């Protein structure tokens, strides 16, 4: 494992917010591609899903979602319910950050894709039961679009369009259609 990843993980706790943010961005950048050190940090990030600090919960979800493509043992499947809990966190910003990275989990394989499709569909349909439903629906459609852009999977395209078509408010439907373009 690279020394730098440990360094950046440590920097996430630095009192300097700029260093924290730079460390966060660097870790996000490193996990854009598959890495061979995923399991060296996996348990830490999984613990963060249950941390009292909402920043750690969000980071744990974002990092694990990004590491799903580096997970040949499919550990993400064991963490999926905890990831869903963070995507529905009591802190809206925490929930939203987790939800915005949720699409990356589907890059881990067919089982992950199915779980993500099912979860995001259900979340889209039930968004009106929570806070800021239009933001949640928009984040879901944007995430599906990103997933489609990466995979060119026609099933993802079909799902995104199908969800958009269920929106009853014409103004919101128009905004969602713009997200998909």
C-alpha atoms as a PDB file:
ATOM      1  CA  UNK A   1       0.000   0.000   0.000  1.00  0.00           C
ATOM      2  CA  UNK A   2       1.099   3.513  -0.708  1.00  0.00           C
ATOM      3  CA  UNK A   3       2.272   5.468   2.300  1.00  0.00           C
ATOM      4  CA  UNK A   4       0.336   8.455   1.060  1.00  0.00           C
ATOM      5  CA  UNK A   5      -3.095   6.921   1.616  1.00  0.00           C
ATOM      6  CA  UNK A   6      -2.389   6.575   5.334  1.00  0.00           C
ATOM      7  CA  UNK A   7      -1.129  10.131   5.331  1.00  0.00           C
ATOM      8  CA  UNK A   8      -4.319  11.400   3.701  1.00  0.00           C
ATOM      9  CA  UNK A   9      -6.544   9.388   6.016  1.00  0.00           C
ATOM     10  CA  UNK A  10      -4.734  10.986   8.963  1.00  0.00           C
ATOM     11  CA  UNK A  11      -5.158  14.417   7.403  1.00  0.00           C
ATOM     12  CA  UNK A  12      -8.926  13.960   7.394  1.00  0.00           C
ATOM     13  CA  UNK A  13      -8.705  14.568  11.164  1.00  0.00           C
ATOM     14  CA  UNK A  14      -6.436  17.594  10.890  1.00  0.00           C
ATOM     15  CA  UNK A  15      -7.621  20.772  12.595  1.00  0.00           C
ATOM     16  CA  UNK A  16      -6.942  22.648   9.347  1.00  0.00           C
ATOM     17  CA  UNK A  17     -10.111  22.350   7.248  1.00  0.00           C
ATOM     18  CA  UNK A  18      -8.158  23.043   4.062  1.00  0.00           C
ATOM     19  CA  UNK A  19      -5.897  20.051   4.711  1.00  0.00           C
ATOM     20  CA  UNK A  20      -8.950  17.932   5.468  1.00  0.00           C
ATOM     21  CA  UNK A  21     -10.587  18.903   2.201  1.00  0.00           C
ATOM     22  CA  UNK A  22      -7.391  18.353   0.187  1.00  0.00           C
ATOM     23  CA  UNK A  23      -7.022  14.917   1.781  1.00  0.00           C
ATOM     24  CA  UNK A  24     -10.634  14.078   0.967  1.00  0.00           C
ATOM     25  CA  UNK A  25     -10.203  15.110  -2.663  1.00  0.00           C
ATOM     26  CA  UNK A  26      -6.957  13.164  -2.969  1.00  0.00           C
ATOM     27  CA  UNK A  27      -8.513   9.985  -1.610  1.00  0.00           C
ATOM     28  CA  UNK A  28     -11.488  10.426  -3.953  1.00  0.00           C
ATOM     29  CA  UNK A  29      -9.083  10.868  -6.860  1.00  0.00           C
ATOM     30  CA  UNK A  30      -7.071   7.774  -5.929  1.00  0.00           C
ATOM     31  CA  UNK A  31     -10.170   5.570  -5.811  1.00  0.00           C
ATOM     32  CA  UNK A  32     -11.452   6.695  -9.208  1.00  0.00           C
ATOM     33  CA  UNK A  33      -9.548   3.721 -10.612  1.00  0.00           C
ATOM     34  CA  UNK A  34      -9.272   0.261  -9.031  1.00  0.00           C
ATOM     35  CA  UNK A  35      -6.645   0.069  -6.282  1.00  0.00           C
ATOM     36  CA  UNK A  36      -4.859  -2.890  -4.739  1.00  0.00           C
ATOM     37  CA  UNK A  37      -4.990  -1.522  -1.180  1.00  0.00           C
ATOM     38  CA  UNK A  38      -8.779  -1.379  -0.767  1.00  0.00           C
ATOM     39  CA  UNK A  39      -8.940  -4.042   1.949  1.00  0.00           C
ATOM     40  CA  UNK A  40      -6.221  -2.329   3.963  1.00  0.00           C
ATOM     41  CA  UNK A  41      -8.600   0.579   4.617  1.00  0.00           C
ATOM     42  CA  UNK A  42     -11.969  -1.120   4.112  1.00  0.00           C
ATOM     43  CA  UNK A  43     -12.732  -1.905   7.754  1.00  0.00           C
ATOM     44  CA  UNK A  44     -11.911   1.642   8.826  1.00  0.00           C
ATOM     45  CA  UNK A  45     -14.277   3.124   6.260  1.00  0.00           C
ATOM     46  CA  UNK A  46     -16.948   0.562   7.192  1.00  0.00           C
ATOM     47  CA  UNK A  47     -16.615   1.624  10.855  1.00  0.00           C
ATOM     48  CA  UNK A  48     -17.101   5.236   9.825  1.00  0.00           C
ATOM     49  CA  UNK A  49     -20.577   4.369   8.533  1.00  0.00           C
ATOM     50  CA  UNK A  50     -21.597   4.120  12.206  1.00  0.00           C
ATOM     51  CA  UNK A  51     -19.498   7.003  13.550  1.00  0.00           C
ATOM     52  CA  UNK A  52     -21.115   9.718  15.658  1.00  0.00           C
ATOM     53  CA  UNK A  53     -19.458  12.326  13.416  1.00  0.00           C
ATOM     54  CA  UNK A  54     -21.646  12.908  10.342  1.00  0.00           C
ATOM     55  CA  UNK A  55     -18.570  13.871   8.294  1.00  0.00           C
ATOM     56  CA  UNK A  56     -17.075  10.442   8.924  1.00  0.00           C
ATOM     57  CA  UNK A  57     -20.353   8.722   8.049  1.00  0.00           C
ATOM     58  CA  UNK A  58     -20.478  10.589   4.743  1.00  0.00           C
ATOM     59  CA  UNK A  59     -16.801   9.971   4.003  1.00  0.00           C
ATOM     60  CA  UNK A  60     -17.106   6.297   4.868  1.00  0.00           C
ATOM     61  CA  UNK A  61     -20.019   5.931   2.458  1.00  0.00           C
ATOM     62  CA  UNK A  62     -18.331   7.905  -0.307  1.00  0.00           C
ATOM     63  CA  UNK A  63     -15.047   6.022   0.016  1.00  0.00           C
ATOM     64  CA  UNK A  64     -16.633   2.563   0.182  1.00  0.00           C
ATOM     65  CA  UNK A  65     -18.800   3.374  -2.828  1.00  0.00           C
ATOM     66  CA  UNK A  66     -15.661   4.395  -4.698  1.00  0.00           C
ATOM     67  CA  UNK A  67     -13.829   1.247  -3.616  1.00  0.00           C
ATOM     68  CA  UNK A  68     -16.610  -1.079  -4.830  1.00  0.00           C
ATOM     69  CA  UNK A  69     -14.762  -1.546  -8.125  1.00  0.00           C
ATOM     70  CA  UNK A  70     -11.703  -2.678  -6.100  1.00  0.00           C
ATOM     71  CA  UNK A  71     -13.678  -5.301  -4.177  1.00  0.00           C
ATOM     72  CA  UNK A  72     -13.235  -8.778  -5.715  1.00  0.00           C
ATOM     73  CA  UNK A  73     -14.467 -10.376  -2.460  1.00  0.00           C
ATOM     74  CA  UNK A  74     -17.760  -8.421  -2.698  1.00  0.00           C
ATOM     75  CA  UNK A  75     -17.476  -7.031   0.824  1.00  0.00           C
ATOM     76  CA  UNK A  76     -19.668  -4.148  -0.266  1.00  0.00           C
ATOM     77  CA  UNK A  77     -22.620  -6.540  -0.164  1.00  0.00           C
ATOM     78  CA  UNK A  78     -22.089  -6.981   3.586  1.00  0.00           C
ATOM     79  CA  UNK A  79     -21.939  -3.202   4.045  1.00  0.00           C
ATOM     80  CA  UNK A  80     -24.875  -2.370   1.782  1.00  0.00           C
ATOM     81  CA  UNK A  81     -27.509  -1.957   4.500  1.00  0.00           C
ATOM     82  CA  UNK A  82     -25.188   0.360   6.434  1.00  0.00           C
ATOM     83  CA  UNK A  83     -24.542   2.365   3.264  1.00  0.00           C
ATOM     84  CA  UNK A  84     -28.310   2.675   2.777  1.00  0.00           C
ATOM     85  CA  UNK A  85     -28.663   3.880   6.362  1.00  0.00           C
ATOM     86  CA  UNK A  86     -26.130   6.649   5.712  1.00  0.00           C
ATOM     87  CA  UNK A  87     -27.920   7.557   2.464  1.00  0.00           C
ATOM     88  CA  UNK A  88     -30.994   8.126   4.669  1.00  0.00           C
ATOM     89  CA  UNK A  89     -29.080   9.755   7.531  1.00  0.00           C
ATOM     90  CA  UNK A  90     -30.806  12.130   9.945  1.00  0.00           C
ATOM     91  CA  UNK A  91     -28.376  14.815   8.770  1.00  0.00           C
ATOM     92  CA  UNK A  92     -29.576  15.727   5.300  1.00  0.00           C
ATOM     93  CA  UNK A  93     -26.133  16.808   4.040  1.00  0.00           C
ATOM     94  CA  UNK A  94     -24.645  13.493   5.177  1.00  0.00           C
ATOM     95  CA  UNK A  95     -27.433  11.561   3.495  1.00  0.00           C
ATOM     96  CA  UNK A  96     -27.098  13.532   0.317  1.00  0.00           C
ATOM     97  CA  UNK A  97     -23.336  13.087   0.053  1.00  0.00           C
ATOM     98  CA  UNK A  98     -23.757   9.344   0.491  1.00  0.00           C
ATOM     99  CA  UNK A  99     -26.606   9.184  -2.013  1.00  0.00           C
ATOM    100  CA  UNK A 100     -24.657  11.157  -4.618  1.00  0.00           C
ATOM    101  CA  UNK A 101     -21.912   8.529  -4.612  1.00  0.00           C
ATOM    102  CA  UNK A 102     -24.244   5.525  -4.475  1.00  0.00           C
ATOM    103  CA  UNK A 103     -24.084   4.888  -8.228  1.00  0.00           C
ATOM    104  CA  UNK A 104     -20.408   3.945  -7.894  1.00  0.00           C
ATOM    105  CA  UNK A 105     -21.361   0.835  -5.925  1.00  0.00           C
ATOM    106  CA  UNK A 106     -22.912  -0.585  -9.111  1.00  0.00           C
ATOM    107  CA  UNK A 107     -19.461  -0.629 -10.726  1.00  0.00           C
ATOM    108  CA  UNK A 108     -18.539  -3.523  -8.435  1.00  0.00           C
ATOM    109  CA  UNK A 109     -20.513  -6.165 -10.338  1.00  0.00           C
ATOM    110  CA  UNK A 110     -23.922  -7.474 -11.325  1.00  0.00           C
ATOM    111  CA  UNK A 111     -25.157  -8.115  -7.771  1.00  0.00           C
ATOM    112  CA  UNK A 112     -24.124  -4.639  -6.750  1.00  0.00           C
ATOM    113  CA  UNK A 113     -25.811  -3.135  -9.796  1.00  0.00           C
ATOM    114  CA  UNK A 114     -29.058  -4.939  -9.007  1.00  0.00           C
ATOM    115  CA  UNK A 115     -28.982  -3.790  -5.379  1.00  0.00           C
ATOM    116  CA  UNK A 116     -28.248  -0.198  -6.392  1.00  0.00           C
ATOM    117  CA  UNK A 117     -30.980  -0.215  -9.061  1.00  0.00           C
ATOM    118  CA  UNK A 118     -33.517  -1.563  -6.576  1.00  0.00           C
ATOM    119  CA  UNK A 119     -32.498   0.815  -3.804  1.00  0.00           C
ATOM    120  CA  UNK A 120     -32.430   3.928  -5.987  1.00  0.00           C
ATOM    121  CA  UNK A 121     -35.773   3.049  -7.585  1.00  0.00           C
ATOM    122  CA  UNK A 122     -37.388   2.557  -4.209  1.00  0.00           C
ATOM    123  CA  UNK A 123     -35.812   5.728  -2.864  1.00  0.00           C
ATOM    124  CA  UNK A 124     -36.992   7.696  -5.884  1.00  0.00           C
ATOM    125  CA  UNK A 125     -40.575   6.462  -5.551  1.00  0.00           C
ATOM    126  CA  UNK A 126     -40.626   7.093  -1.787  1.00  0.00           C
ATOM    127  CA  UNK A 127     -38.728  10.397  -1.758  1.00  0.00           C
ATOM    128  CA  UNK A 128     -41.890  12.321  -0.952  1.00  0.00           C
ATOM    129  CA  UNK A 129     -41.958  10.578   2.450  1.00  0.00           C
ATOM    130  CA  UNK A 130     -38.783  12.426   3.479  1.00  0.00           C
ATOM    131  CA  UNK A 131     -37.242  15.880   3.363  1.00  0.00           C
ATOM    132  CA  UNK A 132     -36.325  17.665   0.126  1.00  0.00           C
ATOM    133  CA  UNK A 133     -37.827  15.066  -2.213  1.00  0.00           C
ATOM    134  CA  UNK A 134     -37.007  17.023  -5.372  1.00  0.00           C
ATOM    135  CA  UNK A 135     -33.325  17.171  -4.421  1.00  0.00           C
ATOM    136  CA  UNK A 136     -33.288  13.453  -3.640  1.00  0.00           C
ATOM    137  CA  UNK A 137     -34.921  12.570  -6.952  1.00  0.00           C
ATOM    138  CA  UNK A 138     -32.546  14.854  -8.822  1.00  0.00           C
ATOM    139  CA  UNK A 139     -29.515  13.278  -7.125  1.00  0.00           C
ATOM    140  CA  UNK A 140     -30.787   9.812  -8.034  1.00  0.00           C
ATOM    141  CA  UNK A 141     -31.296  10.713 -11.695  1.00  0.00           C
ATOM    142  CA  UNK A 142     -27.884  12.413 -11.874  1.00  0.00           C
ATOM    143  CA  UNK A 143     -26.282   9.343 -10.312  1.00  0.00           C
ATOM    144  CA  UNK A 144     -27.982   7.007 -12.773  1.00  0.00           C
ATOM    145  CA  UNK A 145     -26.837   9.244 -15.612  1.00  0.00           C
ATOM    146  CA  UNK A 146     -23.235   9.073 -14.365  1.00  0.00           C
ATOM    147  CA  UNK A 147     -23.532   5.295 -14.127  1.00  0.00           C
ATOM    148  CA  UNK A 148     -24.880   5.149 -17.681  1.00  0.00           C
ATOM    149  CA  UNK A 149     -22.086   7.411 -18.940  1.00  0.00           C
ATOM    150  CA  UNK A 150     -19.479   5.068 -17.465  1.00  0.00           C
ATOM    151  CA  UNK A 151     -21.109   1.761 -18.424  1.00  0.00           C
ATOM    152  CA  UNK A 152     -23.316   2.574 -21.445  1.00  0.00           C
ATOM    153  CA  UNK A 153     -25.716   0.028 -19.931  1.00  0.00           C
ATOM    154  CA  UNK A 154     -29.077   0.359 -21.693  1.00  0.00           C
ATOM    155  CA  UNK A 155     -30.871  -1.034 -18.613  1.00  0.00           C
ATOM    156  CA  UNK A 156     -29.605   1.944 -16.616  1.00  0.00           C
ATOM    157  CA  UNK A 157     -30.773   4.323 -19.319  1.00  0.00           C
ATOM    158  CA  UNK A 158     -34.186   2.637 -19.355  1.00  0.00           C
ATOM    159  CA  UNK A 159     -34.446   2.878 -15.552  1.00  0.00           C
ATOM    160  CA  UNK A 160     -33.492   6.555 -15.499  1.00  0.00           C
ATOM    161  CA  UNK A 161     -36.031   7.452 -18.159  1.00  0.00           C
ATOM    162  CA  UNK A 162     -38.700   5.288 -16.507  1.00  0.00           C
ATOM    163  CA  UNK A 163     -38.191   7.055 -13.172  1.00  0.00           C
ATOM    164  CA  UNK A 164     -38.330  10.481 -14.802  1.00  0.00           C
ATOM    165  CA  UNK A 165     -41.607   9.590 -16.492  1.00  0.00           C
ATOM    166  CA  UNK A 166     -43.209   8.850 -13.113  1.00  0.00           C
ATOM    167  CA  UNK A 167     -42.671  12.431 -11.934  1.00  0.00           C
ATOM    168  CA  UNK A 168     -46.092  14.058 -11.793  1.00  0.00           C
ATOM    169  CA  UNK A 169     -45.019  17.697 -11.487  1.00  0.00           C
ATOM    170  CA  UNK A 170     -44.316  18.945 -15.049  1.00  0.00           C
ATOM    171  CA  UNK A 171     -41.752  21.497 -13.843  1.00  0.00           C
ATOM    172  CA  UNK A 172     -39.830  18.863 -11.873  1.00  0.00           C
ATOM    173  CA  UNK A 173     -40.120  16.376 -14.727  1.00  0.00           C
ATOM    174  CA  UNK A 174     -38.529  18.962 -17.026  1.00  0.00           C
ATOM    175  CA  UNK A 175     -35.660  19.492 -14.589  1.00  0.00           C
ATOM    176  CA  UNK A 176     -35.105  15.743 -14.290  1.00  0.00           C
ATOM    177  CA  UNK A 177     -35.076  15.388 -18.074  1.00  0.00           C
ATOM    178  CA  UNK A 178     -32.370  18.073 -18.207  1.00  0.00           C
ATOM    179  CA  UNK A 179     -30.326  16.047 -15.704  1.00  0.00           C
ATOM    180  CA  UNK A 180     -30.473  13.071 -18.024  1.00  0.00           C
ATOM    181  CA  UNK A 181     -29.304  14.896 -21.148  1.00  0.00           C
END
